[in-house]
Amino acid sequence: MSPDSMTPGSVRLRSAAEVNEQIRALWMRAGGTLSAQERAEYELLVVDWAAAIRADVIEAA
C-alpha cells in the first residue's frame, strides 16, 4: 500500500527490524547519551517497535 492510498488516520506499520535499525542508528548518532529531543524520538521508536512486534505475533497466530 503506497502512502498516497492510505486512509486518513492510518499508519504504515514498519517491521520490527526496520524500527530496531532506526533505534540503533539513533544511539550511534547520539554517542550513547540522548538529548531531550533524542529521548523523545527514542520513546516514539520504542512504541513503534512494540506495535510491530505485536503485529508479527498476531500475524503468526
N, C-alpha and C. Protein backbone atom coordinates (compact mmCIF):
# COMPACT_ATOMS: atom_id res chain seq x y z
N MET A 1 0.86 -1.17 0.00
CA MET A 1 0.00 0.00 0.00
C MET A 1 0.90 1.23 0.00
N SER A 2 0.72 2.10 -0.96
CA SER A 2 1.52 3.31 -1.01
C SER A 2 0.98 4.33 -0.02
N PRO A 3 1.83 5.25 0.45
CA PRO A 3 1.36 6.27 1.39
C PRO A 3 0.22 7.09 0.83
N ASP A 4 0.17 7.28 -0.49
CA ASP A 4 -0.90 8.08 -1.12
C ASP A 4 -2.25 7.38 -1.03
N SER A 5 -2.25 6.05 -0.96
CA SER A 5 -3.52 5.32 -0.96
C SER A 5 -4.02 5.00 0.45
N MET A 6 -3.30 5.48 1.46
CA MET A 6 -3.70 5.19 2.83
C MET A 6 -4.86 6.09 3.23
N THR A 7 -5.72 5.56 4.07
CA THR A 7 -6.84 6.35 4.55
C THR A 7 -6.36 7.30 5.64
N PRO A 8 -7.03 8.44 5.80
CA PRO A 8 -6.62 9.37 6.84
C PRO A 8 -6.67 8.68 8.21
N GLY A 9 -5.63 8.94 9.01
CA GLY A 9 -5.58 8.35 10.34
C GLY A 9 -4.93 6.99 10.38
N SER A 10 -4.66 6.39 9.22
CA SER A 10 -4.00 5.09 9.24
C SER A 10 -2.48 5.31 9.27
N VAL A 11 -1.77 4.32 9.77
CA VAL A 11 -0.33 4.41 9.90
C VAL A 11 0.29 3.22 9.22
N ARG A 12 1.33 3.46 8.44
CA ARG A 12 2.06 2.35 7.82
C ARG A 12 2.91 1.73 8.91
N LEU A 13 2.66 0.48 9.18
CA LEU A 13 3.39 -0.22 10.22
C LEU A 13 4.70 -0.73 9.65
N ARG A 14 5.79 -0.28 10.25
CA ARG A 14 7.12 -0.74 9.82
C ARG A 14 7.43 -2.06 10.52
N SER A 15 8.35 -2.80 9.96
CA SER A 15 8.75 -4.06 10.59
C SER A 15 9.56 -3.77 11.85
N ALA A 16 9.56 -4.73 12.75
CA ALA A 16 10.33 -4.58 13.99
C ALA A 16 11.81 -4.41 13.66
N ALA A 17 12.29 -5.11 12.66
CA ALA A 17 13.70 -5.00 12.27
C ALA A 17 14.02 -3.60 11.77
N GLU A 18 13.12 -3.03 11.00
CA GLU A 18 13.32 -1.68 10.46
C GLU A 18 13.38 -0.65 11.60
N VAL A 19 12.46 -0.77 12.54
CA VAL A 19 12.43 0.16 13.67
C VAL A 19 13.66 -0.05 14.55
N ASN A 20 14.03 -1.31 14.77
CA ASN A 20 15.22 -1.62 15.56
C ASN A 20 16.45 -0.97 14.95
N GLU A 21 16.56 -1.00 13.64
CA GLU A 21 17.70 -0.38 12.96
C GLU A 21 17.71 1.13 13.20
N GLN A 22 16.53 1.75 13.20
CA GLN A 22 16.45 3.18 13.47
C GLN A 22 16.85 3.50 14.92
N ILE A 23 16.47 2.63 15.85
CA ILE A 23 16.87 2.80 17.25
C ILE A 23 18.38 2.71 17.37
N ARG A 24 18.97 1.71 16.74
CA ARG A 24 20.43 1.55 16.79
C ARG A 24 21.14 2.77 16.19
N ALA A 25 20.62 3.25 15.06
CA ALA A 25 21.23 4.41 14.42
C ALA A 25 21.13 5.65 15.31
N LEU A 26 20.02 5.81 15.99
CA LEU A 26 19.85 6.94 16.91
C LEU A 26 20.90 6.88 18.01
N TRP A 27 21.07 5.72 18.62
CA TRP A 27 22.07 5.57 19.69
C TRP A 27 23.47 5.83 19.17
N MET A 28 23.77 5.38 17.95
CA MET A 28 25.10 5.61 17.37
C MET A 28 25.33 7.10 17.15
N ARG A 29 24.34 7.78 16.58
CA ARG A 29 24.47 9.24 16.35
C ARG A 29 24.64 9.98 17.66
N ALA A 30 23.94 9.53 18.68
CA ALA A 30 23.96 10.22 19.98
C ALA A 30 25.21 9.91 20.79
N GLY A 31 25.94 8.91 20.39
CA GLY A 31 27.15 8.56 21.13
C GLY A 31 26.87 7.95 22.49
N GLY A 32 25.69 7.38 22.67
CA GLY A 32 25.36 6.69 23.90
C GLY A 32 24.65 7.55 24.94
N THR A 33 24.53 8.84 24.69
CA THR A 33 23.82 9.73 25.62
C THR A 33 22.80 10.52 24.82
N LEU A 34 21.52 10.37 25.16
CA LEU A 34 20.45 11.02 24.41
C LEU A 34 20.11 12.38 24.99
N SER A 35 19.93 13.36 24.10
CA SER A 35 19.42 14.66 24.50
C SER A 35 17.92 14.51 24.76
N ALA A 36 17.29 15.55 25.25
CA ALA A 36 15.84 15.50 25.49
C ALA A 36 15.09 15.22 24.20
N GLN A 37 15.50 15.84 23.10
CA GLN A 37 14.83 15.62 21.81
C GLN A 37 15.07 14.19 21.32
N GLU A 38 16.28 13.70 21.47
CA GLU A 38 16.59 12.33 21.05
C GLU A 38 15.85 11.33 21.94
N ARG A 39 15.70 11.65 23.21
CA ARG A 39 14.96 10.77 24.13
C ARG A 39 13.51 10.65 23.69
N ALA A 40 12.91 11.77 23.28
CA ALA A 40 11.53 11.76 22.80
C ALA A 40 11.43 10.91 21.53
N GLU A 41 12.40 11.06 20.63
CA GLU A 41 12.41 10.26 19.40
C GLU A 41 12.56 8.78 19.74
N TYR A 42 13.44 8.47 20.68
CA TYR A 42 13.66 7.09 21.11
C TYR A 42 12.37 6.49 21.66
N GLU A 43 11.67 7.24 22.49
CA GLU A 43 10.43 6.74 23.09
C GLU A 43 9.39 6.42 22.01
N LEU A 44 9.28 7.27 21.00
CA LEU A 44 8.35 7.01 19.90
C LEU A 44 8.77 5.76 19.12
N LEU A 45 10.07 5.62 18.90
CA LEU A 45 10.55 4.44 18.18
C LEU A 45 10.27 3.16 18.96
N VAL A 46 10.42 3.20 20.27
CA VAL A 46 10.14 2.01 21.09
C VAL A 46 8.67 1.64 21.00
N VAL A 47 7.79 2.63 20.99
CA VAL A 47 6.35 2.36 20.84
C VAL A 47 6.09 1.73 19.47
N ASP A 48 6.72 2.26 18.42
CA ASP A 48 6.57 1.69 17.07
C ASP A 48 7.09 0.25 17.03
N TRP A 49 8.24 0.01 17.69
CA TRP A 49 8.83 -1.32 17.71
C TRP A 49 7.89 -2.31 18.40
N ALA A 50 7.32 -1.90 19.53
CA ALA A 50 6.40 -2.78 20.26
C ALA A 50 5.17 -3.09 19.41
N ALA A 51 4.65 -2.11 18.69
CA ALA A 51 3.49 -2.33 17.82
C ALA A 51 3.86 -3.31 16.69
N ALA A 52 5.06 -3.18 16.16
CA ALA A 52 5.49 -4.09 15.09
C ALA A 52 5.63 -5.52 15.62
N ILE A 53 6.15 -5.67 16.82
CA ILE A 53 6.27 -7.00 17.43
C ILE A 53 4.88 -7.60 17.63
N ARG A 54 3.95 -6.80 18.15
CA ARG A 54 2.57 -7.30 18.36
C ARG A 54 1.95 -7.73 17.03
N ALA A 55 2.17 -6.93 16.00
CA ALA A 55 1.60 -7.27 14.68
C ALA A 55 2.18 -8.58 14.17
N ASP A 56 3.48 -8.79 14.40
CA ASP A 56 4.12 -10.04 13.98
C ASP A 56 3.52 -11.23 14.72
N VAL A 57 3.26 -11.07 16.01
CA VAL A 57 2.68 -12.15 16.82
C VAL A 57 1.27 -12.46 16.36
N ILE A 58 0.48 -11.42 16.14
CA ILE A 58 -0.90 -11.61 15.68
C ILE A 58 -0.92 -12.28 14.31
N GLU A 59 -0.04 -11.85 13.42
CA GLU A 59 0.03 -12.42 12.08
C GLU A 59 0.44 -13.89 12.14
N ALA A 60 1.32 -14.24 13.05
CA ALA A 60 1.79 -15.62 13.18
C ALA A 60 0.69 -16.53 13.74
N ALA A 61 -0.21 -15.95 14.49
CA ALA A 61 -1.25 -16.76 15.13
C ALA A 61 -2.30 -17.12 14.17
